[in-house]
Amino acid sequence: LFAFANAGVVLQGMSLSSLLDPVPLGVALGLIV
């Protein structure tokens, strides 16, 4: 239920360049690298 309430990424208005924004890039590379 927590995941359902908090994992709803709204993709509208996003592009591949959105992944390079500081927050998603920092979070993703923090977890991966």
Full PDB file with SEQRES, HELIX, SHEET, SSBOND, CRYST1, ORIGX, SCALE, CONECT and MASTER records, all heavy atoms in Angstrom:
SEQRES   1 A   33  LEU PHE ALA PHE ALA ASN ALA GLY VAL VAL LEU GLN GLY          
SEQRES   2 A   33  MET SER LEU SER SER LEU LEU ASP PRO VAL PRO LEU GLY          
SEQRES   3 A   33  VAL ALA LEU GLY LEU ILE VAL                                  
HELIX    1 AA1 PHE A    2  ASN A    6  1                                   5    
HELIX    2 AA2 LEU A   16  LEU A   20  5                                   5    
HELIX    3 AA3 PRO A   22  ILE A   32  1                                  11    
CRYST1    1.000    1.000    1.000  90.00  90.00  90.00 P 1           1          
ORIGX1      1.000000  0.000000  0.000000        0.00000                         
ORIGX2      0.000000  1.000000  0.000000        0.00000                         
ORIGX3      0.000000  0.000000  1.000000        0.00000                         
SCALE1      1.000000  0.000000  0.000000        0.00000                         
SCALE2      0.000000  1.000000  0.000000        0.00000                         
SCALE3      0.000000  0.000000  1.000000        0.00000                         
ATOM      1  N   LEU A   1       0.833  -1.199   0.000  1.00  0.00           N  
ATOM      2  CA  LEU A   1       0.000   0.000   0.000  1.00  0.00           C  
ATOM      3  C   LEU A   1       0.873   1.255   0.000  1.00  0.00           C  
ATOM      4  O   LEU A   1       0.578   2.229  -0.704  1.00  0.00           O  
ATOM      5  CB  LEU A   1      -0.925  -0.004   1.217  1.00  0.00           C  
ATOM      6  CG  LEU A   1      -1.880   1.196   1.351  1.00  0.00           C  
ATOM      7  CD1 LEU A   1      -2.767   1.330   0.124  1.00  0.00           C  
ATOM      8  CD2 LEU A   1      -2.727   1.074   2.617  1.00  0.00           C  
ATOM      9  N   PHE A   2       1.959   1.222   0.774  1.00  0.00           N  
ATOM     10  CA  PHE A   2       2.898   2.346   0.773  1.00  0.00           C  
ATOM     11  C   PHE A   2       3.477   2.539  -0.632  1.00  0.00           C  
ATOM     12  O   PHE A   2       3.592   3.667  -1.123  1.00  0.00           O  
ATOM     13  CB  PHE A   2       4.025   2.092   1.774  1.00  0.00           C  
ATOM     14  CG  PHE A   2       5.149   3.082   1.672  1.00  0.00           C  
ATOM     15  CD1 PHE A   2       5.070   4.310   2.307  1.00  0.00           C  
ATOM     16  CD2 PHE A   2       6.291   2.793   0.935  1.00  0.00           C  
ATOM     17  CE1 PHE A   2       6.108   5.238   2.206  1.00  0.00           C  
ATOM     18  CE2 PHE A   2       7.323   3.708   0.817  1.00  0.00           C  
ATOM     19  CZ  PHE A   2       7.229   4.936   1.456  1.00  0.00           C  
ATOM     20  N   ALA A   3       3.867   1.432  -1.263  1.00  0.00           N  
ATOM     21  CA  ALA A   3       4.436   1.520  -2.613  1.00  0.00           C  
ATOM     22  C   ALA A   3       3.411   2.077  -3.595  1.00  0.00           C  
ATOM     23  O   ALA A   3       3.735   2.917  -4.445  1.00  0.00           O  
ATOM     24  CB  ALA A   3       4.913   0.140  -3.065  1.00  0.00           C  
ATOM     25  N   PHE A   4       2.179   1.631  -3.483  1.00  0.00           N  
ATOM     26  CA  PHE A   4       1.121   2.111  -4.385  1.00  0.00           C  
ATOM     27  C   PHE A   4       0.885   3.607  -4.195  1.00  0.00           C  
ATOM     28  O   PHE A   4       0.626   4.330  -5.156  1.00  0.00           O  
ATOM     29  CB  PHE A   4      -0.174   1.340  -4.135  1.00  0.00           C  
ATOM     30  CG  PHE A   4      -1.300   1.740  -5.050  1.00  0.00           C  
ATOM     31  CD1 PHE A   4      -1.313   1.345  -6.379  1.00  0.00           C  
ATOM     32  CD2 PHE A   4      -2.340   2.535  -4.587  1.00  0.00           C  
ATOM     33  CE1 PHE A   4      -2.339   1.723  -7.231  1.00  0.00           C  
ATOM     34  CE2 PHE A   4      -3.373   2.920  -5.425  1.00  0.00           C  
ATOM     35  CZ  PHE A   4      -3.368   2.507  -6.754  1.00  0.00           C  
ATOM     36  N   ALA A   5       0.995   4.073  -2.953  1.00  0.00           N  
ATOM     37  CA  ALA A   5       0.744   5.496  -2.669  1.00  0.00           C  
ATOM     38  C   ALA A   5       1.926   6.388  -3.026  1.00  0.00           C  
ATOM     39  O   ALA A   5       1.741   7.574  -3.271  1.00  0.00           O  
ATOM     40  CB  ALA A   5       0.397   5.666  -1.186  1.00  0.00           C  
ATOM     41  N   ASN A   6       3.148   5.825  -3.079  1.00  0.00           N  
ATOM     42  CA  ASN A   6       4.334   6.664  -3.219  1.00  0.00           C  
ATOM     43  C   ASN A   6       5.135   6.442  -4.500  1.00  0.00           C  
ATOM     44  O   ASN A   6       6.037   7.225  -4.789  1.00  0.00           O  
ATOM     45  CB  ASN A   6       5.271   6.440  -2.025  1.00  0.00           C  
ATOM     46  CG  ASN A   6       4.743   7.050  -0.746  1.00  0.00           C  
ATOM     47  OD1 ASN A   6       4.968   8.220  -0.456  1.00  0.00           O  
ATOM     48  ND2 ASN A   6       4.008   6.254   0.028  1.00  0.00           N  
ATOM     49  N   ALA A   7       4.834   5.391  -5.258  1.00  0.00           N  
ATOM     50  CA  ALA A   7       5.656   5.074  -6.430  1.00  0.00           C  
ATOM     51  C   ALA A   7       5.034   5.538  -7.743  1.00  0.00           C  
ATOM     52  O   ALA A   7       5.529   5.194  -8.816  1.00  0.00           O  
ATOM     53  CB  ALA A   7       5.923   3.563  -6.490  1.00  0.00           C  
ATOM     54  N   GLY A   8       3.961   6.322  -7.667  1.00  0.00           N  
ATOM     55  CA  GLY A   8       3.265   6.745  -8.887  1.00  0.00           C  
ATOM     56  C   GLY A   8       3.968   7.868  -9.621  1.00  0.00           C  
ATOM     57  O   GLY A   8       3.586   9.041  -9.497  1.00  0.00           O  
ATOM     58  N   VAL A   9       4.995   7.543 -10.390  1.00  0.00           N  
ATOM     59  CA  VAL A   9       5.712   8.554 -11.170  1.00  0.00           C  
ATOM     60  C   VAL A   9       4.821   9.041 -12.313  1.00  0.00           C  
ATOM     61  O   VAL A   9       4.330   8.233 -13.117  1.00  0.00           O  
ATOM     62  CB  VAL A   9       7.013   7.982 -11.767  1.00  0.00           C  
ATOM     63  CG1 VAL A   9       7.734   9.051 -12.590  1.00  0.00           C  
ATOM     64  CG2 VAL A   9       7.912   7.461 -10.668  1.00  0.00           C  
ATOM     65  N   VAL A  10       4.602  10.333 -12.390  1.00  0.00           N  
ATOM     66  CA  VAL A  10       3.835  10.913 -13.498  1.00  0.00           C  
ATOM     67  C   VAL A  10       4.811  11.225 -14.628  1.00  0.00           C  
ATOM     68  O   VAL A  10       5.691  12.076 -14.490  1.00  0.00           O  
ATOM     69  CB  VAL A  10       3.096  12.193 -13.050  1.00  0.00           C  
ATOM     70  CG1 VAL A  10       2.328  12.797 -14.220  1.00  0.00           C  
ATOM     71  CG2 VAL A  10       2.147  11.877 -11.890  1.00  0.00           C  
ATOM     72  N   LEU A  11       4.681  10.525 -15.744  1.00  0.00           N  
ATOM     73  CA  LEU A  11       5.630  10.648 -16.852  1.00  0.00           C  
ATOM     74  C   LEU A  11       5.285  11.788 -17.804  1.00  0.00           C  
ATOM     75  O   LEU A  11       6.115  12.160 -18.644  1.00  0.00           O  
ATOM     76  CB  LEU A  11       5.695   9.331 -17.628  1.00  0.00           C  
ATOM     77  CG  LEU A  11       6.149   8.102 -16.816  1.00  0.00           C  
ATOM     78  CD1 LEU A  11       6.079   6.849 -17.669  1.00  0.00           C  
ATOM     79  CD2 LEU A  11       7.559   8.311 -16.276  1.00  0.00           C  
ATOM     80  N   GLN A  12       4.087  12.336 -17.676  1.00  0.00           N  
ATOM     81  CA  GLN A  12       3.684  13.415 -18.573  1.00  0.00           C  
ATOM     82  C   GLN A  12       4.619  14.616 -18.418  1.00  0.00           C  
ATOM     83  O   GLN A  12       4.892  15.088 -17.323  1.00  0.00           O  
ATOM     84  CB  GLN A  12       2.247  13.843 -18.285  1.00  0.00           C  
ATOM     85  CG  GLN A  12       1.710  14.900 -19.241  1.00  0.00           C  
ATOM     86  CD  GLN A  12       0.270  15.266 -18.932  1.00  0.00           C  
ATOM     87  OE1 GLN A  12      -0.313  14.763 -17.979  1.00  0.00           O  
ATOM     88  NE2 GLN A  12      -0.294  16.143 -19.731  1.00  0.00           N  
ATOM     89  N   GLY A  13       5.117  15.100 -19.520  1.00  0.00           N  
ATOM     90  CA  GLY A  13       6.015  16.243 -19.516  1.00  0.00           C  
ATOM     91  C   GLY A  13       7.473  15.883 -19.303  1.00  0.00           C  
ATOM     92  O   GLY A  13       8.347  16.744 -19.338  1.00  0.00           O  
ATOM     93  N   MET A  14       7.747  14.583 -19.072  1.00  0.00           N  
ATOM     94  CA  MET A  14       9.123  14.146 -18.877  1.00  0.00           C  
ATOM     95  C   MET A  14       9.717  13.659 -20.197  1.00  0.00           C  
ATOM     96  O   MET A  14       9.013  13.209 -21.100  1.00  0.00           O  
ATOM     97  CB  MET A  14       9.202  13.021 -17.842  1.00  0.00           C  
ATOM     98  CG  MET A  14       9.054  13.475 -16.409  1.00  0.00           C  
ATOM     99  SD  MET A  14       9.498  12.158 -15.258  1.00  0.00           S  
ATOM    100  CE  MET A  14       9.481  13.049 -13.707  1.00  0.00           C  
ATOM    101  N   SER A  15      11.043  13.739 -20.294  1.00  0.00           N  
ATOM    102  CA  SER A  15      11.778  13.221 -21.443  1.00  0.00           C  
ATOM    103  C   SER A  15      13.044  12.560 -20.926  1.00  0.00           C  
ATOM    104  O   SER A  15      13.297  12.539 -19.712  1.00  0.00           O  
ATOM    105  CB  SER A  15      12.121  14.355 -22.417  1.00  0.00           C  
ATOM    106  OG  SER A  15      12.973  15.301 -21.786  1.00  0.00           O  
ATOM    107  N   LEU A  16      13.850  12.004 -21.816  1.00  0.00           N  
ATOM    108  CA  LEU A  16      15.095  11.380 -21.387  1.00  0.00           C  
ATOM    109  C   LEU A  16      16.009  12.384 -20.687  1.00  0.00           C  
ATOM    110  O   LEU A  16      16.774  12.016 -19.785  1.00  0.00           O  
ATOM    111  CB  LEU A  16      15.821  10.765 -22.589  1.00  0.00           C  
ATOM    112  CG  LEU A  16      15.180   9.502 -23.185  1.00  0.00           C  
ATOM    113  CD1 LEU A  16      15.944   9.059 -24.425  1.00  0.00           C  
ATOM    114  CD2 LEU A  16      15.151   8.381 -22.145  1.00  0.00           C  
ATOM    115  N   SER A  17      15.899  13.648 -21.077  1.00  0.00           N  
ATOM    116  CA  SER A  17      16.734  14.667 -20.441  1.00  0.00           C  
ATOM    117  C   SER A  17      16.349  14.884 -18.978  1.00  0.00           C  
ATOM    118  O   SER A  17      17.159  15.395 -18.182  1.00  0.00           O  
ATOM    119  CB  SER A  17      16.628  15.990 -21.199  1.00  0.00           C  
ATOM    120  OG  SER A  17      15.291  16.479 -21.176  1.00  0.00           O  
ATOM    121  N   SER A  18      15.116  14.481 -18.604  1.00  0.00           N  
ATOM    122  CA  SER A  18      14.689  14.621 -17.208  1.00  0.00           C  
ATOM    123  C   SER A  18      15.536  13.766 -16.277  1.00  0.00           C  
ATOM    124  O   SER A  18      15.681  14.080 -15.090  1.00  0.00           O  
ATOM    125  CB  SER A  18      13.211  14.235 -17.068  1.00  0.00           C  
ATOM    126  OG  SER A  18      12.384  15.050 -17.868  1.00  0.00           O  
ATOM    127  N   LEU A  19      16.086  12.671 -16.826  1.00  0.00           N  
ATOM    128  CA  LEU A  19      16.933  11.797 -16.016  1.00  0.00           C  
ATOM    129  C   LEU A  19      18.232  12.479 -15.610  1.00  0.00           C  
ATOM    130  O   LEU A  19      18.907  12.032 -14.680  1.00  0.00           O  
ATOM    131  CB  LEU A  19      17.245  10.510 -16.790  1.00  0.00           C  
ATOM    132  CG  LEU A  19      16.061   9.601 -17.110  1.00  0.00           C  
ATOM    133  CD1 LEU A  19      16.497   8.452 -18.002  1.00  0.00           C  
ATOM    134  CD2 LEU A  19      15.441   9.062 -15.824  1.00  0.00           C  
ATOM    135  N   LEU A  20      18.587  13.545 -16.325  1.00  0.00           N  
ATOM    136  CA  LEU A  20      19.834  14.252 -16.037  1.00  0.00           C  
ATOM    137  C   LEU A  20      19.650  15.391 -15.047  1.00  0.00           C  
ATOM    138  O   LEU A  20      20.611  16.085 -14.713  1.00  0.00           O  
ATOM    139  CB  LEU A  20      20.437  14.788 -17.343  1.00  0.00           C  
ATOM    140  CG  LEU A  20      20.773  13.732 -18.401  1.00  0.00           C  
ATOM    141  CD1 LEU A  20      21.337  14.382 -19.651  1.00  0.00           C  
ATOM    142  CD2 LEU A  20      21.742  12.693 -17.846  1.00  0.00           C  
ATOM    143  N   ASP A  21      18.416  15.600 -14.586  1.00  0.00           N  
ATOM    144  CA  ASP A  21      18.190  16.596 -13.542  1.00  0.00           C  
ATOM    145  C   ASP A  21      18.894  16.145 -12.263  1.00  0.00           C  
ATOM    146  O   ASP A  21      19.056  14.934 -12.020  1.00  0.00           O  
ATOM    147  CB  ASP A  21      16.696  16.779 -13.293  1.00  0.00           C  
ATOM    148  CG  ASP A  21      16.001  17.485 -14.448  1.00  0.00           C  
ATOM    149  OD1 ASP A  21      16.711  18.143 -15.234  1.00  0.00           O  
ATOM    150  OD2 ASP A  21      14.768  17.364 -14.579  1.00  0.00           O  
ATOM    151  N   PRO A  22      19.314  17.080 -11.409  1.00  0.00           N  
ATOM    152  CA  PRO A  22      20.136  16.727 -10.240  1.00  0.00           C  
ATOM    153  C   PRO A  22      19.533  15.663  -9.326  1.00  0.00           C  
ATOM    154  O   PRO A  22      20.246  14.765  -8.881  1.00  0.00           O  
ATOM    155  CB  PRO A  22      20.290  18.066  -9.512  1.00  0.00           C  
ATOM    156  CG  PRO A  22      20.142  19.098 -10.575  1.00  0.00           C  
ATOM    157  CD  PRO A  22      19.145  18.538 -11.541  1.00  0.00           C  
ATOM    158  N   VAL A  23      18.227  15.744  -9.038  1.00  0.00           N  
ATOM    159  CA  VAL A  23      17.630  14.811  -8.082  1.00  0.00           C  
ATOM    160  C   VAL A  23      17.562  13.388  -8.635  1.00  0.00           C  
ATOM    161  O   VAL A  23      18.098  12.449  -8.014  1.00  0.00           O  
ATOM    162  CB  VAL A  23      16.238  15.294  -7.614  1.00  0.00           C  
ATOM    163  CG1 VAL A  23      15.530  14.200  -6.805  1.00  0.00           C  
ATOM    164  CG2 VAL A  23      16.374  16.555  -6.765  1.00  0.00           C  
ATOM    165  N   PRO A  24      16.904  13.150  -9.793  1.00  0.00           N  
ATOM    166  CA  PRO A  24      16.857  11.765 -10.284  1.00  0.00           C  
ATOM    167  C   PRO A  24      18.235  11.202 -10.606  1.00  0.00           C  
ATOM    168  O   PRO A  24      18.492  10.015 -10.372  1.00  0.00           O  
ATOM    169  CB  PRO A  24      15.976  11.851 -11.535  1.00  0.00           C  
ATOM    170  CG  PRO A  24      15.940  13.277 -11.914  1.00  0.00           C  
ATOM    171  CD  PRO A  24      16.125  14.058 -10.663  1.00  0.00           C  
ATOM    172  N   LEU A  25      19.129  12.040 -11.134  1.00  0.00           N  
ATOM    173  CA  LEU A  25      20.478  11.564 -11.454  1.00  0.00           C  
ATOM    174  C   LEU A  25      21.245  11.210 -10.187  1.00  0.00           C  
ATOM    175  O   LEU A  25      21.910  10.166 -10.112  1.00  0.00           O  
ATOM    176  CB  LEU A  25      21.228  12.632 -12.253  1.00  0.00           C  
ATOM    177  CG  LEU A  25      22.585  12.217 -12.840  1.00  0.00           C  
ATOM    178  CD1 LEU A  25      22.410  11.085 -13.840  1.00  0.00           C  
ATOM    179  CD2 LEU A  25      23.263  13.404 -13.504  1.00  0.00           C  
ATOM    180  N   GLY A  26      21.163  12.083  -9.174  1.00  0.00           N  
ATOM    181  CA  GLY A  26      21.853  11.819  -7.914  1.00  0.00           C  
ATOM    182  C   GLY A  26      21.324  10.581  -7.211  1.00  0.00           C  
ATOM    183  O   GLY A  26      22.103   9.769  -6.688  1.00  0.00           O  
ATOM    184  N   VAL A  27      19.993  10.410  -7.212  1.00  0.00           N  
ATOM    185  CA  VAL A  27      19.390   9.242  -6.565  1.00  0.00           C  
ATOM    186  C   VAL A  27      19.750   7.965  -7.315  1.00  0.00           C  
ATOM    187  O   VAL A  27      20.193   6.972  -6.721  1.00  0.00           O  
ATOM    188  CB  VAL A  27      17.861   9.400  -6.467  1.00  0.00           C  
ATOM    189  CG1 VAL A  27      17.211   8.094  -6.006  1.00  0.00           C  
ATOM    190  CG2 VAL A  27      17.492  10.528  -5.517  1.00  0.00           C  
ATOM    191  N   ALA A  28      19.558   7.971  -8.647  1.00  0.00           N  
ATOM    192  CA  ALA A  28      19.802   6.767  -9.445  1.00  0.00           C  
ATOM    193  C   ALA A  28      21.268   6.345  -9.388  1.00  0.00           C  
ATOM    194  O   ALA A  28      21.578   5.165  -9.145  1.00  0.00           O  
ATOM    195  CB  ALA A  28      19.367   7.005 -10.892  1.00  0.00           C  
ATOM    196  N   LEU A  29      22.191   7.290  -9.599  1.00  0.00           N  
ATOM    197  CA  LEU A  29      23.610   6.937  -9.555  1.00  0.00           C  
ATOM    198  C   LEU A  29      24.063   6.611  -8.139  1.00  0.00           C  
ATOM    199  O   LEU A  29      24.977   5.803  -7.950  1.00  0.00           O  
ATOM    200  CB  LEU A  29      24.453   8.074 -10.134  1.00  0.00           C  
ATOM    201  CG  LEU A  29      24.334   8.292 -11.644  1.00  0.00           C  
ATOM    202  CD1 LEU A  29      25.267   9.397 -12.108  1.00  0.00           C  
ATOM    203  CD2 LEU A  29      24.628   7.007 -12.413  1.00  0.00           C  
ATOM    204  N   GLY A  30      23.432   7.236  -7.147  1.00  0.00           N  
ATOM    205  CA  GLY A  30      23.745   6.883  -5.765  1.00  0.00           C  
ATOM    206  C   GLY A  30      23.430   5.423  -5.497  1.00  0.00           C  
ATOM    207  O   GLY A  30      24.223   4.705  -4.863  1.00  0.00           O  
ATOM    208  N   LEU A  31      22.272   4.956  -5.980  1.00  0.00           N  
ATOM    209  CA  LEU A  31      21.875   3.567  -5.775  1.00  0.00           C  
ATOM    210  C   LEU A  31      22.692   2.603  -6.637  1.00  0.00           C  
ATOM    211  O   LEU A  31      23.103   1.533  -6.174  1.00  0.00           O  
ATOM    212  CB  LEU A  31      20.384   3.401  -6.090  1.00  0.00           C  
ATOM    213  CG  LEU A  31      19.410   4.059  -5.106  1.00  0.00           C  
ATOM    214  CD1 LEU A  31      17.988   4.011  -5.639  1.00  0.00           C  
ATOM    215  CD2 LEU A  31      19.478   3.388  -3.733  1.00  0.00           C  
ATOM    216  N   ILE A  32      22.924   2.977  -7.893  1.00  0.00           N  
ATOM    217  CA  ILE A  32      23.607   2.063  -8.814  1.00  0.00           C  
ATOM    218  C   ILE A  32      25.116   2.054  -8.569  1.00  0.00           C  
ATOM    219  O   ILE A  32      25.723   1.000  -8.359  1.00  0.00           O  
ATOM    220  CB  ILE A  32      23.323   2.450 -10.278  1.00  0.00           C  
ATOM    221  CG1 ILE A  32      21.824   2.356 -10.577  1.00  0.00           C  
ATOM    222  CG2 ILE A  32      24.096   1.530 -11.232  1.00  0.00           C  
ATOM    223  CD1 ILE A  32      21.422   2.992 -11.899  1.00  0.00           C  
ATOM    224  N   VAL A  33      25.738   3.223  -8.613  1.00  0.00           N  
ATOM    225  CA  VAL A  33      27.199   3.328  -8.495  1.00  0.00           C  
ATOM    226  C   VAL A  33      27.631   3.420  -7.028  1.00  0.00           C  
ATOM    227  O   VAL A  33      28.546   2.718  -6.591  1.00  0.00           O  
ATOM    228  CB  VAL A  33      27.725   4.553  -9.278  1.00  0.00           C  
ATOM    229  CG1 VAL A  33      29.233   4.677  -9.114  1.00  0.00           C  
ATOM    230  CG2 VAL A  33      27.349   4.450 -10.747  1.00  0.00           C  
TER     231      VAL A  33                                                      
MASTER        0    0    0    3    0    0    0    6  230    1    0    3          
END                                                                             
